[in-house]
């Protein structure tokens, strides 16, 4: 446990940030899972809307300092690859 006043405050602040970041990361993961479920079901319109939402949340996480910008870019890239692949498969059938 911290002994100094400033260390006690820093501990309180870091705990608040940790909980906020954890909730935000959980929300992002949930939205990505929803996107993947729509994609698997073959509902491309809902999947695209969900993809845009997930992309927006990832960008917001970068601006808040929750995600590194390269990690967010990689996640978005992978999601778009999956979406484009499913879209291509739907048009060729």
PDB file of N, CA and C in Angstrom:
ATOM      1  N   UNK A   1       0.836  -1.191   0.000  1.00  0.00           N
ATOM      2  CA  UNK A   1       0.000   0.000   0.000  1.00  0.00           C
ATOM      3  C   UNK A   1       0.879   1.253   0.000  1.00  0.00           C
ATOM      4  N   UNK A   2       0.414   2.262  -0.719  1.00  0.00           N
ATOM      5  CA  UNK A   2       1.200   3.499  -0.781  1.00  0.00           C
ATOM      6  C   UNK A   2       1.144   4.271   0.546  1.00  0.00           C
ATOM      7  N   UNK A   3       2.217   4.990   0.818  1.00  0.00           N
ATOM      8  CA  UNK A   3       2.314   5.751   2.056  1.00  0.00           C
ATOM      9  C   UNK A   3       2.120   7.249   1.836  1.00  0.00           C
ATOM     10  N   UNK A   4       2.482   7.721   0.658  1.00  0.00           N
ATOM     11  CA  UNK A   4       2.395   9.161   0.385  1.00  0.00           C
ATOM     12  C   UNK A   4       1.050   9.508  -0.236  1.00  0.00           C
ATOM     13  N   UNK A   5       0.665  10.741  -0.013  1.00  0.00           N
ATOM     14  CA  UNK A   5      -0.627  11.208  -0.510  1.00  0.00           C
ATOM     15  C   UNK A   5      -0.708  11.111  -2.027  1.00  0.00           C
ATOM     16  N   UNK A   6       0.351  11.492  -2.720  1.00  0.00           N
ATOM     17  CA  UNK A   6       0.344  11.471  -4.183  1.00  0.00           C
ATOM     18  C   UNK A   6       0.291  10.033  -4.706  1.00  0.00           C
ATOM     19  N   UNK A   7       0.931   9.115  -3.996  1.00  0.00           N
ATOM     20  CA  UNK A   7       0.912   7.716  -4.413  1.00  0.00           C
ATOM     21  C   UNK A   7      -0.481   7.116  -4.216  1.00  0.00           C
ATOM     22  N   UNK A   8      -1.157   7.532  -3.155  1.00  0.00           N
ATOM     23  CA  UNK A   8      -2.531   7.052  -2.916  1.00  0.00           C
ATOM     24  C   UNK A   8      -3.455   7.528  -4.032  1.00  0.00           C
ATOM     25  N   UNK A   9      -3.297   8.791  -4.407  1.00  0.00           N
ATOM     26  CA  UNK A   9      -4.117   9.339  -5.496  1.00  0.00           C
ATOM     27  C   UNK A   9      -3.815   8.630  -6.812  1.00  0.00           C
ATOM     28  N   UNK A  10      -2.542   8.380  -7.076  1.00  0.00           N
ATOM     29  CA  UNK A  10      -2.156   7.684  -8.306  1.00  0.00           C
ATOM     30  C   UNK A  10      -2.758   6.285  -8.345  1.00  0.00           C
ATOM     31  N   UNK A  11      -2.814   5.626  -7.205  1.00  0.00           N
ATOM     32  CA  UNK A  11      -3.407   4.291  -7.132  1.00  0.00           C
ATOM     33  C   UNK A  11      -4.902   4.344  -7.451  1.00  0.00           C
ATOM     34  N   UNK A  12      -5.592   5.341  -6.876  1.00  0.00           N
ATOM     35  CA  UNK A  12      -7.033   5.504  -7.163  1.00  0.00           C
ATOM     36  C   UNK A  12      -7.264   5.767  -8.648  1.00  0.00           C
ATOM     37  N   UNK A  13      -6.449   6.636  -9.223  1.00  0.00           N
ATOM     38  CA  UNK A  13      -6.617   6.982 -10.633  1.00  0.00           C
ATOM     39  C   UNK A  13      -6.329   5.785 -11.538  1.00  0.00           C
ATOM     40  N   UNK A  14      -5.279   5.045 -11.229  1.00  0.00           N
ATOM     41  CA  UNK A  14      -4.932   3.916 -12.086  1.00  0.00           C
ATOM     42  C   UNK A  14      -5.998   2.832 -12.007  1.00  0.00           C
ATOM     43  N   UNK A  15      -6.605   2.646 -10.862  1.00  0.00           N
ATOM     44  CA  UNK A  15      -7.677   1.653 -10.728  1.00  0.00           C
ATOM     45  C   UNK A  15      -8.899   2.066 -11.547  1.00  0.00           C
ATOM     46  N   UNK A  16      -9.242   3.354 -11.508  1.00  0.00           N
ATOM     47  CA  UNK A  16     -10.362   3.861 -12.315  1.00  0.00           C
ATOM     48  C   UNK A  16     -10.099   3.642 -13.799  1.00  0.00           C
ATOM     49  N   UNK A  17      -8.880   3.979 -14.221  1.00  0.00           N
ATOM     50  CA  UNK A  17      -8.515   3.825 -15.638  1.00  0.00           C
ATOM     51  C   UNK A  17      -8.547   2.360 -16.051  1.00  0.00           C
ATOM     52  N   UNK A  18      -8.043   1.487 -15.169  1.00  0.00           N
ATOM     53  CA  UNK A  18      -8.016   0.059 -15.481  1.00  0.00           C
ATOM     54  C   UNK A  18      -9.432  -0.466 -15.704  1.00  0.00           C
ATOM     55  N   UNK A  19     -10.352  -0.082 -14.833  1.00  0.00           N
ATOM     56  CA  UNK A  19     -11.734  -0.548 -14.973  1.00  0.00           C
ATOM     57  C   UNK A  19     -12.398   0.016 -16.225  1.00  0.00           C
ATOM     58  N   UNK A  20     -12.120   1.296 -16.508  1.00  0.00           N
ATOM     59  CA  UNK A  20     -12.688   1.923 -17.704  1.00  0.00           C
ATOM     60  C   UNK A  20     -12.150   1.265 -18.973  1.00  0.00           C
ATOM     61  N   UNK A  21     -10.841   1.022 -19.000  1.00  0.00           N
ATOM     62  CA  UNK A  21     -10.224   0.381 -20.167  1.00  0.00           C
ATOM     63  C   UNK A  21     -10.741  -1.041 -20.341  1.00  0.00           C
ATOM     64  N   UNK A  22     -10.903  -1.744 -19.240  1.00  0.00           N
ATOM     65  CA  UNK A  22     -11.386  -3.125 -19.291  1.00  0.00           C
ATOM     66  C   UNK A  22     -12.806  -3.179 -19.863  1.00  0.00           C
ATOM     67  N   UNK A  23     -13.657  -2.271 -19.426  1.00  0.00           N
ATOM     68  CA  UNK A  23     -15.026  -2.224 -19.937  1.00  0.00           C
ATOM     69  C   UNK A  23     -15.037  -1.891 -21.425  1.00  0.00           C
ATOM     70  N   UNK A  24     -14.186  -0.955 -21.822  1.00  0.00           N
ATOM     71  CA  UNK A  24     -14.138  -0.555 -23.228  1.00  0.00           C
ATOM     72  C   UNK A  24     -13.653  -1.705 -24.104  1.00  0.00           C
ATOM     73  N   UNK A  25     -12.608  -2.402 -23.648  1.00  0.00           N
ATOM     74  CA  UNK A  25     -12.073  -3.537 -24.412  1.00  0.00           C
ATOM     75  C   UNK A  25     -13.115  -4.642 -24.530  1.00  0.00           C
ATOM     76  N   UNK A  26     -13.865  -4.847 -23.470  1.00  0.00           N
ATOM     77  CA  UNK A  26     -14.913  -5.861 -23.487  1.00  0.00           C
ATOM     78  C   UNK A  26     -15.983  -5.508 -24.512  1.00  0.00           C
ATOM     79  N   UNK A  27     -16.337  -4.234 -24.576  1.00  0.00           N
ATOM     80  CA  UNK A  27     -17.349  -3.786 -25.543  1.00  0.00           C
ATOM     81  C   UNK A  27     -16.858  -3.986 -26.972  1.00  0.00           C
ATOM     82  N   UNK A  28     -15.599  -3.669 -27.216  1.00  0.00           N
ATOM     83  CA  UNK A  28     -15.029  -3.847 -28.555  1.00  0.00           C
ATOM     84  C   UNK A  28     -15.068  -5.323 -28.950  1.00  0.00           C
ATOM     85  N   UNK A  29     -14.671  -6.197 -28.022  1.00  0.00           N
ATOM     86  CA  UNK A  29     -14.683  -7.632 -28.311  1.00  0.00           C
ATOM     87  C   UNK A  29     -16.098  -8.125 -28.609  1.00  0.00           C
ATOM     88  N   UNK A  30     -17.076  -7.613 -27.865  1.00  0.00           N
ATOM     89  CA  UNK A  30     -18.465  -8.005 -28.082  1.00  0.00           C
ATOM     90  C   UNK A  30     -18.937  -7.586 -29.470  1.00  0.00           C
ATOM     91  N   UNK A  31     -18.607  -6.374 -29.873  1.00  0.00           N
ATOM     92  CA  UNK A  31     -19.027  -5.880 -31.183  1.00  0.00           C
ATOM     93  C   UNK A  31     -18.356  -6.673 -32.304  1.00  0.00           C
ATOM     94  N   UNK A  32     -17.114  -7.067 -32.110  1.00  0.00           N
ATOM     95  CA  UNK A  32     -16.421  -7.875 -33.115  1.00  0.00           C
ATOM     96  C   UNK A  32     -17.071  -9.251 -33.220  1.00  0.00           C
ATOM     97  N   UNK A  33     -17.436  -9.826 -32.075  1.00  0.00           N
ATOM     98  CA  UNK A  33     -18.108 -11.131 -32.092  1.00  0.00           C
ATOM     99  C   UNK A  33     -19.456 -11.047 -32.796  1.00  0.00           C
ATOM    100  N   UNK A  34     -20.182  -9.951 -32.572  1.00  0.00           N
ATOM    101  CA  UNK A  34     -21.462  -9.758 -33.268  1.00  0.00           C
ATOM    102  C   UNK A  34     -21.235  -9.704 -34.785  1.00  0.00           C
ATOM    103  N   UNK A  35     -20.192  -8.983 -35.191  1.00  0.00           N
ATOM    104  CA  UNK A  35     -19.859  -8.902 -36.615  1.00  0.00           C
ATOM    105  C   UNK A  35     -19.585 -10.289 -37.182  1.00  0.00           C
ATOM    106  N   UNK A  36     -18.776 -11.070 -36.477  1.00  0.00           N
ATOM    107  CA  UNK A  36     -18.435 -12.409 -36.957  1.00  0.00           C
ATOM    108  C   UNK A  36     -19.664 -13.315 -37.013  1.00  0.00           C
ATOM    109  N   UNK A  37     -20.579 -13.148 -36.066  1.00  0.00           N
ATOM    110  CA  UNK A  37     -21.812 -13.941 -36.086  1.00  0.00           C
ATOM    111  C   UNK A  37     -22.682 -13.586 -37.288  1.00  0.00           C
ATOM    112  N   UNK A  38     -22.819 -12.291 -37.578  1.00  0.00           N
ATOM    113  CA  UNK A  38     -23.589 -11.872 -38.759  1.00  0.00           C
ATOM    114  C   UNK A  38     -22.934 -12.402 -40.029  1.00  0.00           C
ATOM    115  N   UNK A  39     -21.617 -12.365 -40.066  1.00  0.00           N
ATOM    116  CA  UNK A  39     -20.877 -12.833 -41.228  1.00  0.00           C
ATOM    117  C   UNK A  39     -21.094 -14.330 -41.435  1.00  0.00           C
ATOM    118  N   UNK A  40     -21.056 -15.071 -40.352  1.00  0.00           N
ATOM    119  CA  UNK A  40     -21.240 -16.510 -40.431  1.00  0.00           C
ATOM    120  C   UNK A  40     -22.662 -16.861 -40.848  1.00  0.00           C
ATOM    121  N   UNK A  41     -23.625 -16.043 -40.437  1.00  0.00           N
ATOM    122  CA  UNK A  41     -25.018 -16.278 -40.802  1.00  0.00           C
ATOM    123  C   UNK A  41     -25.290 -15.878 -42.253  1.00  0.00           C
ATOM    124  N   UNK A  42     -24.384 -15.114 -42.852  1.00  0.00           N
ATOM    125  CA  UNK A  42     -24.540 -14.702 -44.238  1.00  0.00           C
ATOM    126  C   UNK A  42     -25.308 -13.409 -44.414  1.00  0.00           C
ATOM    127  N   UNK A  43     -25.535 -12.685 -43.331  1.00  0.00           N
ATOM    128  CA  UNK A  43     -26.257 -11.411 -43.393  1.00  0.00           C
ATOM    129  C   UNK A  43     -25.239 -10.290 -43.590  1.00  0.00           C
ATOM    130  N   UNK A  44     -24.923 -10.015 -44.866  1.00  0.00           N
ATOM    131  CA  UNK A  44     -23.842  -9.074 -45.165  1.00  0.00           C
ATOM    132  C   UNK A  44     -24.181  -7.631 -44.834  1.00  0.00           C
ATOM    133  N   UNK A  45     -25.456  -7.251 -44.928  1.00  0.00           N
ATOM    134  CA  UNK A  45     -25.826  -5.858 -44.624  1.00  0.00           C
ATOM    135  C   UNK A  45     -25.615  -5.559 -43.142  1.00  0.00           C
ATOM    136  N   UNK A  46     -26.101  -6.447 -42.288  1.00  0.00           N
ATOM    137  CA  UNK A  46     -25.915  -6.247 -40.850  1.00  0.00           C
ATOM    138  C   UNK A  46     -24.440  -6.371 -40.480  1.00  0.00           C
ATOM    139  N   UNK A  47     -23.748  -7.281 -41.162  1.00  0.00           N
ATOM    140  CA  UNK A  47     -22.321  -7.465 -40.890  1.00  0.00           C
ATOM    141  C   UNK A  47     -21.546  -6.196 -41.219  1.00  0.00           C
ATOM    142  N   UNK A  48     -21.908  -5.557 -42.339  1.00  0.00           N
ATOM    143  CA  UNK A  48     -21.191  -4.334 -42.716  1.00  0.00           C
ATOM    144  C   UNK A  48     -21.446  -3.215 -41.710  1.00  0.00           C
ATOM    145  N   UNK A  49     -22.695  -3.088 -41.262  1.00  0.00           N
ATOM    146  CA  UNK A  49     -23.010  -2.064 -40.263  1.00  0.00           C
ATOM    147  C   UNK A  49     -22.251  -2.338 -38.965  1.00  0.00           C
ATOM    148  N   UNK A  50     -22.183  -3.591 -38.581  1.00  0.00           N
ATOM    149  CA  UNK A  50     -21.471  -3.978 -37.359  1.00  0.00           C
ATOM    150  C   UNK A  50     -19.974  -3.757 -37.511  1.00  0.00           C
ATOM    151  N   UNK A  51     -19.464  -3.994 -38.723  1.00  0.00           N
ATOM    152  CA  UNK A  51     -18.046  -3.766 -38.997  1.00  0.00           C
ATOM    153  C   UNK A  51     -17.707  -2.288 -38.843  1.00  0.00           C
ATOM    154  N   UNK A  52     -18.562  -1.430 -39.354  1.00  0.00           N
ATOM    155  CA  UNK A  52     -18.325   0.021 -39.231  1.00  0.00           C
ATOM    156  C   UNK A  52     -18.322   0.452 -37.766  1.00  0.00           C
ATOM    157  N   UNK A  53     -19.228  -0.137 -36.978  1.00  0.00           N
ATOM    158  CA  UNK A  53     -19.286   0.186 -35.550  1.00  0.00           C
ATOM    159  C   UNK A  53     -18.012  -0.273 -34.838  1.00  0.00           C
ATOM    160  N   UNK A  54     -17.578  -1.487 -35.132  1.00  0.00           N
ATOM    161  CA  UNK A  54     -16.357  -2.013 -34.517  1.00  0.00           C
ATOM    162  C   UNK A  54     -15.144  -1.166 -34.916  1.00  0.00           C
ATOM    163  N   UNK A  55     -15.113  -0.770 -36.180  1.00  0.00           N
ATOM    164  CA  UNK A  55     -14.009   0.072 -36.663  1.00  0.00           C
ATOM    165  C   UNK A  55     -13.992   1.406 -35.916  1.00  0.00           C
ATOM    166  N   UNK A  56     -15.160   1.986 -35.749  1.00  0.00           N
ATOM    167  CA  UNK A  56     -15.268   3.254 -35.036  1.00  0.00           C
ATOM    168  C   UNK A  56     -14.794   3.116 -33.594  1.00  0.00           C
ATOM    169  N   UNK A  57     -15.208   2.036 -32.938  1.00  0.00           N
ATOM    170  CA  UNK A  57     -14.799   1.827 -31.552  1.00  0.00           C
ATOM    171  C   UNK A  57     -13.291   1.610 -31.441  1.00  0.00           C
ATOM    172  N   UNK A  58     -12.715   0.893 -32.384  1.00  0.00           N
ATOM    173  CA  UNK A  58     -11.265   0.686 -32.354  1.00  0.00           C
ATOM    174  C   UNK A  58     -10.522   2.010 -32.525  1.00  0.00           C
ATOM    175  N   UNK A  59     -11.006   2.851 -33.437  1.00  0.00           N
ATOM    176  CA  UNK A  59     -10.377   4.162 -33.618  1.00  0.00           C
ATOM    177  C   UNK A  59     -10.517   5.012 -32.359  1.00  0.00           C
ATOM    178  N   UNK A  60     -11.681   4.928 -31.741  1.00  0.00           N
ATOM    179  CA  UNK A  60     -11.909   5.684 -30.511  1.00  0.00           C
ATOM    180  C   UNK A  60     -10.977   5.182 -29.409  1.00  0.00           C
ATOM    181  N   UNK A  61     -10.767   3.867 -29.356  1.00  0.00           N
ATOM    182  CA  UNK A  61      -9.855   3.298 -28.370  1.00  0.00           C
ATOM    183  C   UNK A  61      -8.430   3.767 -28.565  1.00  0.00           C
ATOM    184  N   UNK A  62      -8.039   3.957 -29.814  1.00  0.00           N
ATOM    185  CA  UNK A  62      -6.698   4.474 -30.100  1.00  0.00           C
ATOM    186  C   UNK A  62      -6.579   5.906 -29.602  1.00  0.00           C
ATOM    187  N   UNK A  63      -7.599   6.709 -29.864  1.00  0.00           N
ATOM    188  CA  UNK A  63      -7.525   8.114 -29.453  1.00  0.00           C
ATOM    189  C   UNK A  63      -7.554   8.261 -27.934  1.00  0.00           C
ATOM    190  N   UNK A  64      -8.166   7.313 -27.232  1.00  0.00           N
ATOM    191  CA  UNK A  64      -8.197   7.352 -25.774  1.00  0.00           C
ATOM    192  C   UNK A  64      -6.959   6.700 -25.147  1.00  0.00           C
ATOM    193  N   UNK A  65      -6.126   6.071 -25.978  1.00  0.00           N
ATOM    194  CA  UNK A  65      -4.912   5.459 -25.465  1.00  0.00           C
ATOM    195  C   UNK A  65      -5.116   4.049 -24.940  1.00  0.00           C
ATOM    196  N   UNK A  66      -6.227   3.425 -25.289  1.00  0.00           N
ATOM    197  CA  UNK A  66      -6.506   2.070 -24.818  1.00  0.00           C
ATOM    198  C   UNK A  66      -5.810   1.043 -25.693  1.00  0.00           C
ATOM    199  N   UNK A  67      -5.798   1.286 -27.004  1.00  0.00           N
ATOM    200  CA  UNK A  67      -5.140   0.390 -27.954  1.00  0.00           C
ATOM    201  C   UNK A  67      -3.975   1.120 -28.614  1.00  0.00           C
ATOM    202  N   UNK A  68      -2.957   0.365 -28.967  1.00  0.00           N
ATOM    203  CA  UNK A  68      -1.889   0.907 -29.803  1.00  0.00           C
ATOM    204  C   UNK A  68      -2.446   1.030 -31.226  1.00  0.00           C
ATOM    205  N   UNK A  69      -2.044   2.045 -31.939  1.00  0.00           N
ATOM    206  CA  UNK A  69      -2.631   2.300 -33.259  1.00  0.00           C
ATOM    207  C   UNK A  69      -2.354   1.165 -34.238  1.00  0.00           C
ATOM    208  N   UNK A  70      -1.215   0.500 -34.104  1.00  0.00           N
ATOM    209  CA  UNK A  70      -0.916  -0.593 -35.028  1.00  0.00           C
ATOM    210  C   UNK A  70      -1.777  -1.816 -34.722  1.00  0.00           C
ATOM    211  N   UNK A  71      -2.047  -2.060 -33.460  1.00  0.00           N
ATOM    212  CA  UNK A  71      -2.910  -3.183 -33.093  1.00  0.00           C
ATOM    213  C   UNK A  71      -4.313  -2.963 -33.648  1.00  0.00           C
ATOM    214  N   UNK A  72      -4.819  -1.745 -33.503  1.00  0.00           N
ATOM    215  CA  UNK A  72      -6.148  -1.427 -34.019  1.00  0.00           C
ATOM    216  C   UNK A  72      -6.175  -1.550 -35.542  1.00  0.00           C
ATOM    217  N   UNK A  73      -5.131  -1.080 -36.194  1.00  0.00           N
ATOM    218  CA  UNK A  73      -5.067  -1.162 -37.655  1.00  0.00           C
ATOM    219  C   UNK A  73      -5.049  -2.613 -38.110  1.00  0.00           C
ATOM    220  N   UNK A  74      -4.307  -3.465 -37.400  1.00  0.00           N
ATOM    221  CA  UNK A  74      -4.257  -4.882 -37.749  1.00  0.00           C
ATOM    222  C   UNK A  74      -5.616  -5.548 -37.557  1.00  0.00           C
ATOM    223  N   UNK A  75      -6.287  -5.226 -36.459  1.00  0.00           N
ATOM    224  CA  UNK A  75      -7.617  -5.813 -36.212  1.00  0.00           C
ATOM    225  C   UNK A  75      -8.598  -5.393 -37.298  1.00  0.00           C
ATOM    226  N   UNK A  76      -8.594  -4.112 -37.631  1.00  0.00           N
ATOM    227  CA  UNK A  76      -9.512  -3.603 -38.654  1.00  0.00           C
ATOM    228  C   UNK A  76      -9.210  -4.265 -39.999  1.00  0.00           C
ATOM    229  N   UNK A  77      -7.935  -4.396 -40.312  1.00  0.00           N
ATOM    230  CA  UNK A  77      -7.538  -5.022 -41.566  1.00  0.00           C
ATOM    231  C   UNK A  77      -8.036  -6.466 -41.644  1.00  0.00           C
ATOM    232  N   UNK A  78      -7.856  -7.221 -40.561  1.00  0.00           N
ATOM    233  CA  UNK A  78      -8.303  -8.621 -40.538  1.00  0.00           C
ATOM    234  C   UNK A  78      -9.815  -8.718 -40.695  1.00  0.00           C
ATOM    235  N   UNK A  79     -10.539  -7.807 -40.029  1.00  0.00           N
ATOM    236  CA  UNK A  79     -11.999  -7.836 -40.120  1.00  0.00           C
ATOM    237  C   UNK A  79     -12.466  -7.522 -41.543  1.00  0.00           C
ATOM    238  N   UNK A  80     -11.828  -6.545 -42.179  1.00  0.00           N
ATOM    239  CA  UNK A  80     -12.199  -6.205 -43.551  1.00  0.00           C
ATOM    240  C   UNK A  80     -11.839  -7.327 -44.519  1.00  0.00           C
ATOM    241  N   UNK A  81     -10.736  -8.020 -44.263  1.00  0.00           N
ATOM    242  CA  UNK A  81     -10.380  -9.166 -45.105  1.00  0.00           C
ATOM    243  C   UNK A  81     -11.470 -10.229 -45.032  1.00  0.00           C
ATOM    244  N   UNK A  82     -11.933 -10.524 -43.827  1.00  0.00           N
ATOM    245  CA  UNK A  82     -12.988 -11.526 -43.662  1.00  0.00           C
ATOM    246  C   UNK A  82     -14.272 -11.081 -44.344  1.00  0.00           C
ATOM    247  N   UNK A  83     -14.603  -9.793 -44.194  1.00  0.00           N
ATOM    248  CA  UNK A  83     -15.825  -9.273 -44.806  1.00  0.00           C
ATOM    249  C   UNK A  83     -15.733  -9.339 -46.329  1.00  0.00           C
ATOM    250  N   UNK A  84     -14.612  -8.911 -46.890  1.00  0.00           N
ATOM    251  CA  UNK A  84     -14.456  -8.919 -48.348  1.00  0.00           C
ATOM    252  C   UNK A  84     -14.449 -10.335 -48.904  1.00  0.00           C
ATOM    253  N   UNK A  85     -13.870 -11.253 -48.166  1.00  0.00           N
ATOM    254  CA  UNK A  85     -13.857 -12.648 -48.595  1.00  0.00           C
ATOM    255  C   UNK A  85     -15.280 -13.215 -48.617  1.00  0.00           C
ATOM    256  N   UNK A  86     -16.051 -12.917 -47.593  1.00  0.00           N
ATOM    257  CA  UNK A  86     -17.441 -13.396 -47.538  1.00  0.00           C
ATOM    258  C   UNK A  86     -18.275 -12.737 -48.646  1.00  0.00           C
ATOM    259  N   UNK A  87     -18.005 -11.475 -48.912  1.00  0.00           N
ATOM    260  CA  UNK A  87     -18.732 -10.759 -49.966  1.00  0.00           C
ATOM    261  C   UNK A  87     -18.401 -11.370 -51.343  1.00  0.00           C
ATOM    262  N   UNK A  88     -17.134 -11.690 -51.535  1.00  0.00           N
ATOM    263  CA  UNK A  88     -16.712 -12.305 -52.793  1.00  0.00           C
ATOM    264  C   UNK A  88     -17.350 -13.672 -52.981  1.00  0.00           C
ATOM    265  N   UNK A  89     -17.377 -14.454 -51.925  1.00  0.00           N
ATOM    266  CA  UNK A  89     -17.973 -15.782 -51.994  1.00  0.00           C
ATOM    267  C   UNK A  89     -19.480 -15.705 -52.272  1.00  0.00           C
ATOM    268  N   UNK A  90     -20.134 -14.684 -51.738  1.00  0.00           N
ATOM    269  CA  UNK A  90     -21.568 -14.522 -51.949  1.00  0.00           C
ATOM    270  C   UNK A  90     -21.867 -14.144 -53.402  1.00  0.00           C
ATOM    271  N   UNK A  91     -20.972 -13.391 -54.034  1.00  0.00           N
ATOM    272  CA  UNK A  91     -21.222 -12.966 -55.414  1.00  0.00           C
ATOM    273  C   UNK A  91     -20.888 -14.068 -56.415  1.00  0.00           C
ATOM    274  N   UNK A  92     -19.976 -14.970 -56.051  1.00  0.00           N
ATOM    275  CA  UNK A  92     -19.584 -16.019 -56.993  1.00  0.00           C
ATOM    276  C   UNK A  92     -20.552 -17.201 -56.966  1.00  0.00           C
ATOM    277  N   UNK A  93     -21.386 -17.290 -55.950  1.00  0.00           N
ATOM    278  CA  UNK A  93     -22.320 -18.415 -55.877  1.00  0.00           C
ATOM    279  C   UNK A  93     -23.569 -18.166 -56.667  1.00  0.00           C
TER     280      UNK A  93
END
